[in-house]
Amino acid sequence: MLTSLHEFFCKLVVLIRYLVRYYRGEKLPTGCPPCPPALKKPDPFLYSQSWLASQGYPITWDNPDIFIYQNGVLVDPHDLHASTTYTVVARIWNNSTDVPVVDLPVIFSYLSFGVATQSNPIGTATVDLGVVGLPGCPAFAAIAWTTPAALGHYCLQVLLQPPDDSNWLNNMGQRNTDVAQAHSPAAFSFAVGNHGRKRPRTVRFTLDSYAIPPLPPCGDRPKSISKVAPPVPGGWTVTLTPSELTLAPDEEQQVQVEVTPAPGFTGVMPINVHGWDGGVRIGGVTLLTEVA
């Protein structure tokens, strides 16, 4: 499409020059004059689970580009208080080396913790995003969020809405996590919804233990990224109840999860639960099991 627009613009320039010279009585031009280069576009993005999954990469729902602060101090997103005001910060990148974005709208919202649940707006912030390698990239958008009065787990979502974009599919990211101390077993729960649809939905689940690998030291060549998510490690047991469910239109159900660590394990283990409707991934959660 961009090539077609470029050719159209070229022909339009030729026509305008032709008409101007014709009415001036000048000799008519032949050939196509040098055309301007093809239009360039920005590519604002953040860690986008849907985009990475569409490219075949494993994903985590614990987003590395969404942070929570209170009074300027970074806080644990798994230890928030009800009816308390925090600052949610989104780190935004640009794949373009040529085109910045001025006053980029950044839309913040939250879901109840789960798969395909309903969205609740927080608000919109704007930020100036620079280009790769120059100040302003990455940029940071911030907004105040007062947590709901009801205790529970919530998924923060960030959506970028630039006026133009070379890739519209990497503009949405979410941070969807929970943490529980393992007390043989660790217990979690999350909601699965079927909102805004006119047909029933059958949801099945898959599990893996993918986490974003640490960055290599400066100067080292980055390793290639595997497109195979590591399975739940041997010795671990993860039980979902129910293991599959069918939802009527606008219905929402709770899924209970029990995670039993392998004997002798210490540390934090991510367990990613992905919900599928047929062959389409509709969302997921990352459960972090901590064993002291």
C-alpha atoms as a PDB file:
ATOM      1  CA  MET A   1       0.000   0.000   0.000  1.00  0.00           C
ATOM      2  CA  LEU A   2       2.852   2.383   0.843  1.00  0.00           C
ATOM      3  CA  THR A   3       4.423   1.761  -2.588  1.00  0.00           C
ATOM      4  CA  SER A   4       1.117   2.533  -4.310  1.00  0.00           C
ATOM      5  CA  LEU A   5       0.779   5.808  -2.411  1.00  0.00           C
ATOM      6  CA  HIS A   6       4.332   6.713  -3.351  1.00  0.00           C
ATOM      7  CA  GLU A   7       3.639   6.091  -7.045  1.00  0.00           C
ATOM      8  CA  PHE A   8       0.397   8.097  -6.843  1.00  0.00           C
ATOM      9  CA  PHE A   9       2.230  11.004  -5.216  1.00  0.00           C
ATOM     10  CA  CYS A  10       4.884  10.867  -7.917  1.00  0.00           C
ATOM     11  CA  LYS A  11       2.292  11.018 -10.696  1.00  0.00           C
ATOM     12  CA  LEU A  12       0.494  13.862  -8.938  1.00  0.00           C
ATOM     13  CA  VAL A  13       3.719  15.887  -8.779  1.00  0.00           C
ATOM     14  CA  VAL A  14       4.292  15.270 -12.491  1.00  0.00           C
ATOM     15  CA  LEU A  15       0.751  16.423 -13.333  1.00  0.00           C
ATOM     16  CA  ILE A  16       1.037  19.611 -11.261  1.00  0.00           C
ATOM     17  CA  ARG A  17       4.395  20.518 -12.815  1.00  0.00           C
ATOM     18  CA  TYR A  18       3.028  19.730 -16.263  1.00  0.00           C
ATOM     19  CA  LEU A  19       0.021  22.028 -15.800  1.00  0.00           C
ATOM     20  CA  VAL A  20       2.094  24.883 -14.343  1.00  0.00           C
ATOM     21  CA  ARG A  21       4.589  24.799 -17.231  1.00  0.00           C
ATOM     22  CA  TYR A  22       1.787  24.395 -19.788  1.00  0.00           C
ATOM     23  CA  TYR A  23      -0.010  27.534 -18.632  1.00  0.00           C
ATOM     24  CA  ARG A  24       3.293  29.402 -18.566  1.00  0.00           C
ATOM     25  CA  GLY A  25       3.866  28.436 -22.188  1.00  0.00           C
ATOM     26  CA  GLU A  26       7.005  26.518 -21.370  1.00  0.00           C
ATOM     27  CA  LYS A  27       8.190  23.367 -23.099  1.00  0.00           C
ATOM     28  CA  LEU A  28       6.253  20.393 -21.766  1.00  0.00           C
ATOM     29  CA  PRO A  29       8.242  18.108 -19.422  1.00  0.00           C
ATOM     30  CA  THR A  30       8.910  14.487 -20.198  1.00  0.00           C
ATOM     31  CA  GLY A  31       9.573  11.644 -17.812  1.00  0.00           C
ATOM     32  CA  CYS A  32       9.066  11.522 -14.077  1.00  0.00           C
ATOM     33  CA  PRO A  33      10.992  14.022 -11.934  1.00  0.00           C
ATOM     34  CA  PRO A  34      12.733  12.757  -8.812  1.00  0.00           C
ATOM     35  CA  CYS A  35      10.033  11.715  -6.352  1.00  0.00           C
ATOM     36  CA  PRO A  36      10.189  12.261  -2.603  1.00  0.00           C
ATOM     37  CA  PRO A  37      11.151   9.228  -0.531  1.00  0.00           C
ATOM     38  CA  ALA A  38       8.451   6.891   0.731  1.00  0.00           C
ATOM     39  CA  LEU A  39       6.718   8.099   3.872  1.00  0.00           C
ATOM     40  CA  LYS A  40       8.238   6.881   7.124  1.00  0.00           C
ATOM     41  CA  LYS A  41       6.252   5.999  10.216  1.00  0.00           C
ATOM     42  CA  PRO A  42       6.937   5.617  13.937  1.00  0.00           C
ATOM     43  CA  ASP A  43       6.552   2.287  15.734  1.00  0.00           C
ATOM     44  CA  PRO A  44       5.745   2.902  19.412  1.00  0.00           C
ATOM     45  CA  PHE A  45       5.508  -0.312  21.418  1.00  0.00           C
ATOM     46  CA  LEU A  46       5.868  -1.973  24.814  1.00  0.00           C
ATOM     47  CA  TYR A  47       6.131  -5.606  25.877  1.00  0.00           C
ATOM     48  CA  SER A  48       3.044  -6.935  24.092  1.00  0.00           C
ATOM     49  CA  GLN A  49       1.987 -10.473  24.902  1.00  0.00           C
ATOM     50  CA  SER A  50      -0.408 -10.719  21.948  1.00  0.00           C
ATOM     51  CA  TRP A  51       2.198  -9.553  19.417  1.00  0.00           C
ATOM     52  CA  LEU A  52       4.971 -11.800  20.723  1.00  0.00           C
ATOM     53  CA  ALA A  53       2.631 -14.791  20.847  1.00  0.00           C
ATOM     54  CA  SER A  54       1.557 -14.149  17.246  1.00  0.00           C
ATOM     55  CA  GLN A  55       5.242 -14.395  16.263  1.00  0.00           C
ATOM     56  CA  GLY A  56       5.540 -17.760  17.992  1.00  0.00           C
ATOM     57  CA  TYR A  57       7.492 -16.612  21.075  1.00  0.00           C
ATOM     58  CA  PRO A  58       6.756 -17.760  24.627  1.00  0.00           C
ATOM     59  CA  ILE A  59       5.346 -15.033  26.866  1.00  0.00           C
ATOM     60  CA  THR A  60       4.953 -14.036  30.474  1.00  0.00           C
ATOM     61  CA  TRP A  61       2.014 -12.069  31.849  1.00  0.00           C
ATOM     62  CA  ASP A  62       4.405 -10.339  34.301  1.00  0.00           C
ATOM     63  CA  ASN A  63       5.087  -7.319  32.077  1.00  0.00           C
ATOM     64  CA  PRO A  64       8.608  -5.798  32.366  1.00  0.00           C
ATOM     65  CA  ASP A  65       7.389  -2.426  31.008  1.00  0.00           C
ATOM     66  CA  ILE A  66       4.675  -1.703  33.613  1.00  0.00           C
ATOM     67  CA  PHE A  67       5.654  -0.507  37.120  1.00  0.00           C
ATOM     68  CA  ILE A  68       3.834   0.665  40.256  1.00  0.00           C
ATOM     69  CA  TYR A  69       5.073   3.418  42.587  1.00  0.00           C
ATOM     70  CA  GLN A  70       3.852   4.981  45.815  1.00  0.00           C
ATOM     71  CA  ASN A  71       5.231   8.369  46.843  1.00  0.00           C
ATOM     72  CA  GLY A  72       8.041   7.954  44.318  1.00  0.00           C
ATOM     73  CA  VAL A  73       9.112   4.535  45.632  1.00  0.00           C
ATOM     74  CA  LEU A  74       8.839   1.390  43.515  1.00  0.00           C
ATOM     75  CA  VAL A  75       6.511  -1.060  45.256  1.00  0.00           C
ATOM     76  CA  ASP A  76       5.822  -4.760  44.978  1.00  0.00           C
ATOM     77  CA  PRO A  77       2.857  -5.102  42.583  1.00  0.00           C
ATOM     78  CA  HIS A  78       1.791  -8.199  44.486  1.00  0.00           C
ATOM     79  CA  ASP A  79       1.415  -6.415  47.826  1.00  0.00           C
ATOM     80  CA  LEU A  80      -1.005  -3.568  47.088  1.00  0.00           C
ATOM     81  CA  HIS A  81      -3.628  -2.256  49.509  1.00  0.00           C
ATOM     82  CA  ALA A  82      -7.313  -1.683  48.840  1.00  0.00           C
ATOM     83  CA  SER A  83      -8.606   1.880  48.229  1.00  0.00           C
ATOM     84  CA  THR A  84      -5.036   3.197  48.008  1.00  0.00           C
ATOM     85  CA  THR A  85      -3.637   5.567  45.385  1.00  0.00           C
ATOM     86  CA  TYR A  86      -0.554   4.445  43.466  1.00  0.00           C
ATOM     87  CA  THR A  87       1.215   5.690  40.342  1.00  0.00           C
ATOM     88  CA  VAL A  88       1.272   3.302  37.390  1.00  0.00           C
ATOM     89  CA  VAL A  89       4.170   3.880  34.993  1.00  0.00           C
ATOM     90  CA  ALA A  90       4.477   2.467  31.477  1.00  0.00           C
ATOM     91  CA  ARG A  91       7.848   2.312  29.705  1.00  0.00           C
ATOM     92  CA  ILE A  92       7.353   2.907  25.967  1.00  0.00           C
ATOM     93  CA  TRP A  93       9.802   2.208  23.156  1.00  0.00           C
ATOM     94  CA  ASN A  94      10.080   3.211  19.492  1.00  0.00           C
ATOM     95  CA  ASN A  95      11.363   0.918  16.740  1.00  0.00           C
ATOM     96  CA  SER A  96      11.859   3.896  14.418  1.00  0.00           C
ATOM     97  CA  THR A  97      15.212   5.660  14.030  1.00  0.00           C
ATOM     98  CA  ASP A  98      13.595   8.558  12.149  1.00  0.00           C
ATOM     99  CA  VAL A  99      10.077   9.413  13.374  1.00  0.00           C
ATOM    100  CA  PRO A 100       9.243  10.474  16.947  1.00  0.00           C
ATOM    101  CA  VAL A 101       5.713  10.755  18.356  1.00  0.00           C
ATOM    102  CA  VAL A 102       4.557  13.967  20.032  1.00  0.00           C
ATOM    103  CA  ASP A 103       1.709  13.768  22.581  1.00  0.00           C
ATOM    104  CA  LEU A 104       1.333  10.006  22.268  1.00  0.00           C
ATOM    105  CA  PRO A 105      -1.916   8.946  24.025  1.00  0.00           C
ATOM    106  CA  VAL A 106      -1.359   6.126  26.540  1.00  0.00           C
ATOM    107  CA  ILE A 107      -4.565   4.522  27.854  1.00  0.00           C
ATOM    108  CA  PHE A 108      -4.498   2.778  31.234  1.00  0.00           C
ATOM    109  CA  SER A 109      -7.128   0.305  32.456  1.00  0.00           C
ATOM    110  CA  TYR A 110      -7.427  -2.745  34.675  1.00  0.00           C
ATOM    111  CA  LEU A 111      -9.200  -6.096  34.676  1.00  0.00           C
ATOM    112  CA  SER A 112     -10.111  -8.418  37.458  1.00  0.00           C
ATOM    113  CA  PHE A 113      -7.339 -11.016  37.687  1.00  0.00           C
ATOM    114  CA  GLY A 114      -7.998 -13.692  35.097  1.00  0.00           C
ATOM    115  CA  VAL A 115      -8.716 -14.531  31.463  1.00  0.00           C
ATOM    116  CA  ALA A 116     -11.000 -12.434  29.195  1.00  0.00           C
ATOM    117  CA  THR A 117     -12.506 -10.475  32.090  1.00  0.00           C
ATOM    118  CA  GLN A 118     -14.096  -7.015  31.867  1.00  0.00           C
ATOM    119  CA  SER A 119     -12.061  -3.834  31.433  1.00  0.00           C
ATOM    120  CA  ASN A 120     -12.300  -0.860  33.821  1.00  0.00           C
ATOM    121  CA  PRO A 121     -10.831   2.491  32.676  1.00  0.00           C
ATOM    122  CA  ILE A 122      -8.211   4.312  34.756  1.00  0.00           C
ATOM    123  CA  GLY A 123      -7.422   7.224  32.455  1.00  0.00           C
ATOM    124  CA  THR A 124      -5.234   8.529  29.641  1.00  0.00           C
ATOM    125  CA  ALA A 125      -1.805  10.155  29.797  1.00  0.00           C
ATOM    126  CA  THR A 126       0.299  11.648  26.992  1.00  0.00           C
ATOM    127  CA  VAL A 127       4.028  11.452  26.450  1.00  0.00           C
ATOM    128  CA  ASP A 128       6.593  12.586  23.863  1.00  0.00           C
ATOM    129  CA  LEU A 129       8.418   9.556  22.449  1.00  0.00           C
ATOM    130  CA  GLY A 130      11.833   9.994  20.837  1.00  0.00           C
ATOM    131  CA  VAL A 131      13.598   7.793  18.301  1.00  0.00           C
ATOM    132  CA  VAL A 132      16.011   4.927  18.834  1.00  0.00           C
ATOM    133  CA  GLY A 133      19.359   6.002  20.266  1.00  0.00           C
ATOM    134  CA  LEU A 134      18.342   9.525  21.289  1.00  0.00           C
ATOM    135  CA  PRO A 135      16.911  11.029  24.505  1.00  0.00           C
ATOM    136  CA  GLY A 136      13.231  10.347  24.938  1.00  0.00           C
ATOM    137  CA  CYS A 137      13.401   6.694  23.959  1.00  0.00           C
ATOM    138  CA  PRO A 138      12.240   4.965  26.011  1.00  0.00           C
ATOM    139  CA  ALA A 139       9.631   7.373  27.314  1.00  0.00           C
ATOM    140  CA  PHE A 140       7.650   6.960  30.535  1.00  0.00           C
ATOM    141  CA  ALA A 141       3.918   7.649  30.870  1.00  0.00           C
ATOM    142  CA  ALA A 142       2.393   7.821  34.352  1.00  0.00           C
ATOM    143  CA  ILE A 143      -1.087   7.983  35.844  1.00  0.00           C
ATOM    144  CA  ALA A 144      -2.596   7.808  39.327  1.00  0.00           C
ATOM    145  CA  TRP A 145      -4.634   4.689  40.130  1.00  0.00           C
ATOM    146  CA  THR A 146      -6.739   4.143  43.223  1.00  0.00           C
ATOM    147  CA  THR A 147      -7.095   0.419  43.796  1.00  0.00           C
ATOM    148  CA  PRO A 148     -10.607  -1.038  44.171  1.00  0.00           C
ATOM    149  CA  ALA A 149     -12.094  -1.372  47.639  1.00  0.00           C
ATOM    150  CA  ALA A 150     -12.607  -5.097  47.140  1.00  0.00           C
ATOM    151  CA  LEU A 151      -9.597  -7.197  47.942  1.00  0.00           C
ATOM    152  CA  GLY A 152      -8.381  -9.373  45.103  1.00  0.00           C
ATOM    153  CA  HIS A 153      -6.045  -9.538  42.164  1.00  0.00           C
ATOM    154  CA  TYR A 154      -6.099  -7.130  39.219  1.00  0.00           C
ATOM    155  CA  CYS A 155      -4.540  -6.962  35.781  1.00  0.00           C
ATOM    156  CA  LEU A 156      -3.157  -3.624  34.602  1.00  0.00           C
ATOM    157  CA  GLN A 157      -3.388  -2.912  30.873  1.00  0.00           C
ATOM    158  CA  VAL A 158      -1.644  -0.253  28.789  1.00  0.00           C
ATOM    159  CA  LEU A 159      -2.710   0.650  25.240  1.00  0.00           C
ATOM    160  CA  LEU A 160      -0.818   3.030  22.928  1.00  0.00           C
ATOM    161  CA  GLN A 161      -2.865   5.045  20.427  1.00  0.00           C
ATOM    162  CA  PRO A 162      -0.509   6.961  18.114  1.00  0.00           C
ATOM    163  CA  PRO A 163      -1.904   8.947  15.146  1.00  0.00           C
ATOM    164  CA  ASP A 164       0.106   6.690  12.818  1.00  0.00           C
ATOM    165  CA  ASP A 165       2.060   3.487  13.260  1.00  0.00           C
ATOM    166  CA  SER A 166       4.043   0.998  11.178  1.00  0.00           C
ATOM    167  CA  ASN A 167       2.848  -1.851  13.419  1.00  0.00           C
ATOM    168  CA  TRP A 168      -0.498  -1.534  15.198  1.00  0.00           C
ATOM    169  CA  LEU A 169      -0.252  -4.999  16.747  1.00  0.00           C
ATOM    170  CA  ASN A 170       2.407  -4.338  19.440  1.00  0.00           C
ATOM    171  CA  ASN A 171       0.617  -1.498  21.258  1.00  0.00           C
ATOM    172  CA  MET A 172      -1.107  -3.419  24.070  1.00  0.00           C
ATOM    173  CA  GLY A 173       0.601  -4.916  27.124  1.00  0.00           C
ATOM    174  CA  GLN A 174      -0.644  -6.131  30.464  1.00  0.00           C
ATOM    175  CA  ARG A 175       0.782  -6.979  33.863  1.00  0.00           C
ATOM    176  CA  ASN A 176      -1.143  -9.893  35.277  1.00  0.00           C
ATOM    177  CA  THR A 177       0.539 -11.559  38.231  1.00  0.00           C
ATOM    178  CA  ASP A 178      -0.048 -12.991  41.671  1.00  0.00           C
ATOM    179  CA  VAL A 179       2.333 -14.074  44.418  1.00  0.00           C
ATOM    180  CA  ALA A 180       1.717 -16.603  47.183  1.00  0.00           C
ATOM    181  CA  GLN A 181       3.971 -18.162  49.758  1.00  0.00           C
ATOM    182  CA  ALA A 182       4.106 -21.896  49.241  1.00  0.00           C
ATOM    183  CA  HIS A 183       2.483 -23.711  52.120  1.00  0.00           C
ATOM    184  CA  SER A 184       2.263 -27.118  50.442  1.00  0.00           C
ATOM    185  CA  PRO A 185       0.522 -26.286  48.210  1.00  0.00           C
ATOM    186  CA  ALA A 186       0.326 -22.606  47.207  1.00  0.00           C
ATOM    187  CA  ALA A 187      -3.267 -21.645  46.413  1.00  0.00           C
ATOM    188  CA  PHE A 188      -4.432 -19.195  43.758  1.00  0.00           C
ATOM    189  CA  SER A 189      -7.673 -18.313  42.022  1.00  0.00           C
ATOM    190  CA  PHE A 190      -8.559 -16.312  38.952  1.00  0.00           C
ATOM    191  CA  ALA A 191     -11.639 -15.455  36.895  1.00  0.00           C
ATOM    192  CA  VAL A 192     -12.410 -16.542  33.346  1.00  0.00           C
ATOM    193  CA  GLY A 193     -15.032 -14.555  31.450  1.00  0.00           C
ATOM    194  CA  ASN A 194     -17.082 -14.618  28.258  1.00  0.00           C
ATOM    195  CA  HIS A 195     -18.101 -10.965  28.005  1.00  0.00           C
ATOM    196  CA  GLY A 196     -19.496  -9.235  24.928  1.00  0.00           C
ATOM    197  CA  ARG A 197     -20.081 -12.462  23.018  1.00  0.00           C
ATOM    198  CA  LYS A 198     -23.310 -14.078  21.812  1.00  0.00           C
ATOM    199  CA  ARG A 199     -22.157 -17.693  21.858  1.00  0.00           C
ATOM    200  CA  PRO A 200     -20.866 -20.025  24.565  1.00  0.00           C
ATOM    201  CA  ARG A 201     -17.109 -20.346  24.973  1.00  0.00           C
ATOM    202  CA  THR A 202     -15.205 -23.470  25.956  1.00  0.00           C
ATOM    203  CA  VAL A 203     -11.861 -22.636  27.546  1.00  0.00           C
ATOM    204  CA  ARG A 204      -8.965 -25.039  27.978  1.00  0.00           C
ATOM    205  CA  PHE A 205      -5.650 -24.269  29.661  1.00  0.00           C
ATOM    206  CA  THR A 206      -1.974 -24.863  29.002  1.00  0.00           C
ATOM    207  CA  LEU A 207       0.930 -24.413  31.427  1.00  0.00           C
ATOM    208  CA  ASP A 208       4.589 -23.459  31.147  1.00  0.00           C
ATOM    209  CA  SER A 209       7.325 -21.870  33.275  1.00  0.00           C
ATOM    210  CA  TYR A 210       8.706 -19.245  30.875  1.00  0.00           C
ATOM    211  CA  ALA A 211      10.336 -16.110  32.316  1.00  0.00           C
ATOM    212  CA  ILE A 212      12.128 -13.329  30.430  1.00  0.00           C
ATOM    213  CA  PRO A 213      15.845 -14.232  30.480  1.00  0.00           C
ATOM    214  CA  PRO A 214      18.315 -11.742  31.961  1.00  0.00           C
ATOM    215  CA  LEU A 215      20.029  -9.345  29.573  1.00  0.00           C
ATOM    216  CA  PRO A 216      23.588 -10.286  28.558  1.00  0.00           C
ATOM    217  CA  PRO A 217      26.459  -8.089  29.769  1.00  0.00           C
ATOM    218  CA  CYS A 218      27.143  -5.008  27.650  1.00  0.00           C
ATOM    219  CA  GLY A 219      29.287  -5.912  24.660  1.00  0.00           C
ATOM    220  CA  ASP A 220      28.193  -9.536  24.547  1.00  0.00           C
ATOM    221  CA  ARG A 221      26.162 -10.757  21.603  1.00  0.00           C
ATOM    222  CA  PRO A 222      22.581 -11.545  22.622  1.00  0.00           C
ATOM    223  CA  LYS A 223      21.597 -15.186  22.426  1.00  0.00           C
ATOM    224  CA  SER A 224      18.879 -16.254  20.028  1.00  0.00           C
ATOM    225  CA  ILE A 225      15.430 -16.467  21.612  1.00  0.00           C
ATOM    226  CA  SER A 226      13.876 -19.897  21.746  1.00  0.00           C
ATOM    227  CA  LYS A 227      10.295 -20.162  20.546  1.00  0.00           C
ATOM    228  CA  VAL A 228       9.683 -23.139  22.839  1.00  0.00           C
ATOM    229  CA  ALA A 229       8.449 -22.302  26.342  1.00  0.00           C
ATOM    230  CA  PRO A 230       9.941 -24.488  29.086  1.00  0.00           C
ATOM    231  CA  PRO A 231       7.378 -26.839  30.629  1.00  0.00           C
ATOM    232  CA  VAL A 232       6.519 -26.962  34.316  1.00  0.00           C
ATOM    233  CA  PRO A 233       9.667 -28.502  35.895  1.00  0.00           C
ATOM    234  CA  GLY A 234       9.745 -32.095  36.991  1.00  0.00           C
ATOM    235  CA  GLY A 235       8.685 -32.646  40.589  1.00  0.00           C
ATOM    236  CA  TRP A 236       6.178 -29.760  40.473  1.00  0.00           C
ATOM    237  CA  THR A 237       2.432 -30.379  40.507  1.00  0.00           C
ATOM    238  CA  VAL A 238      -0.091 -27.842  39.196  1.00  0.00           C
ATOM    239  CA  THR A 239      -3.800 -28.645  39.562  1.00  0.00           C
ATOM    240  CA  LEU A 240      -6.555 -26.506  37.998  1.00  0.00           C
ATOM    241  CA  THR A 241     -10.155 -26.892  39.134  1.00  0.00           C
ATOM    242  CA  PRO A 242     -11.914 -27.013  36.763  1.00  0.00           C
ATOM    243  CA  SER A 243      -9.288 -27.998  34.205  1.00  0.00           C
ATOM    244  CA  GLU A 244     -11.653 -26.947  31.388  1.00  0.00           C
ATOM    245  CA  LEU A 245     -14.891 -24.954  31.448  1.00  0.00           C
ATOM    246  CA  THR A 246     -17.736 -23.813  29.241  1.00  0.00           C
ATOM    247  CA  LEU A 247     -19.120 -20.300  29.703  1.00  0.00           C
ATOM    248  CA  ALA A 248     -22.478 -18.948  28.592  1.00  0.00           C
ATOM    249  CA  PRO A 249     -22.567 -15.420  27.091  1.00  0.00           C
ATOM    250  CA  ASP A 250     -21.561 -12.792  29.709  1.00  0.00           C
ATOM    251  CA  GLU A 251     -20.823 -15.517  32.273  1.00  0.00           C
ATOM    252  CA  GLU A 252     -17.724 -15.486  34.507  1.00  0.00           C
ATOM    253  CA  GLN A 253     -16.368 -18.383  36.577  1.00  0.00           C
ATOM    254  CA  GLN A 254     -13.539 -18.833  39.065  1.00  0.00           C
ATOM    255  CA  VAL A 255     -10.702 -21.299  38.537  1.00  0.00           C
ATOM    256  CA  GLN A 256      -8.833 -22.604  41.588  1.00  0.00           C
ATOM    257  CA  VAL A 257      -5.147 -23.448  41.257  1.00  0.00           C
ATOM    258  CA  GLU A 258      -2.914 -25.430  43.593  1.00  0.00           C
ATOM    259  CA  VAL A 259       0.839 -25.435  43.009  1.00  0.00           C
ATOM    260  CA  THR A 260       3.030 -27.919  44.874  1.00  0.00           C
ATOM    261  CA  PRO A 261       6.776 -27.201  44.563  1.00  0.00           C
ATOM    262  CA  ALA A 262       9.376 -29.872  43.972  1.00  0.00           C
ATOM    263  CA  PRO A 263      11.062 -31.101  47.175  1.00  0.00           C
ATOM    264  CA  GLY A 264      14.084 -29.010  48.105  1.00  0.00           C
ATOM    265  CA  PHE A 265      13.275 -26.078  45.810  1.00  0.00           C
ATOM    266  CA  THR A 266      13.923 -22.535  47.070  1.00  0.00           C
ATOM    267  CA  GLY A 267      13.339 -19.297  45.194  1.00  0.00           C
ATOM    268  CA  VAL A 268      10.562 -18.045  42.920  1.00  0.00           C
ATOM    269  CA  MET A 269       9.012 -20.137  40.166  1.00  0.00           C
ATOM    270  CA  PRO A 270       6.721 -18.578  37.511  1.00  0.00           C
ATOM    271  CA  ILE A 271       3.815 -20.699  36.351  1.00  0.00           C
ATOM    272  CA  ASN A 272       2.107 -19.279  33.256  1.00  0.00           C
ATOM    273  CA  VAL A 273      -1.514 -20.324  32.699  1.00  0.00           C
ATOM    274  CA  HIS A 274      -2.801 -19.631  29.171  1.00  0.00           C
ATOM    275  CA  GLY A 275      -6.483 -19.800  28.270  1.00  0.00           C
ATOM    276  CA  TRP A 276      -7.492 -21.010  24.808  1.00  0.00           C
ATOM    277  CA  ASP A 277     -10.777 -20.899  22.888  1.00  0.00           C
ATOM    278  CA  GLY A 278     -10.121 -23.483  20.194  1.00  0.00           C
ATOM    279  CA  GLY A 279      -6.812 -22.451  18.632  1.00  0.00           C
ATOM    280  CA  VAL A 280      -7.003 -18.822  19.823  1.00  0.00           C
ATOM    281  CA  ARG A 281      -5.201 -17.690  22.979  1.00  0.00           C
ATOM    282  CA  ILE A 282      -7.633 -15.386  24.818  1.00  0.00           C
ATOM    283  CA  GLY A 283      -5.427 -14.397  27.758  1.00  0.00           C
ATOM    284  CA  GLY A 284      -3.649 -15.771  30.765  1.00  0.00           C
ATOM    285  CA  VAL A 285      -2.079 -15.232  34.150  1.00  0.00           C
ATOM    286  CA  THR A 286       1.364 -15.633  35.640  1.00  0.00           C
ATOM    287  CA  LEU A 287       1.433 -17.191  39.101  1.00  0.00           C
ATOM    288  CA  LEU A 288       4.642 -16.701  41.067  1.00  0.00           C
ATOM    289  CA  THR A 289       5.244 -19.334  43.711  1.00  0.00           C
ATOM    290  CA  GLU A 290       7.839 -18.282  46.283  1.00  0.00           C
ATOM    291  CA  VAL A 291       9.560 -20.845  48.473  1.00  0.00           C
ATOM    292  CA  ALA A 292      11.808 -19.453  51.199  1.00  0.00           C
END
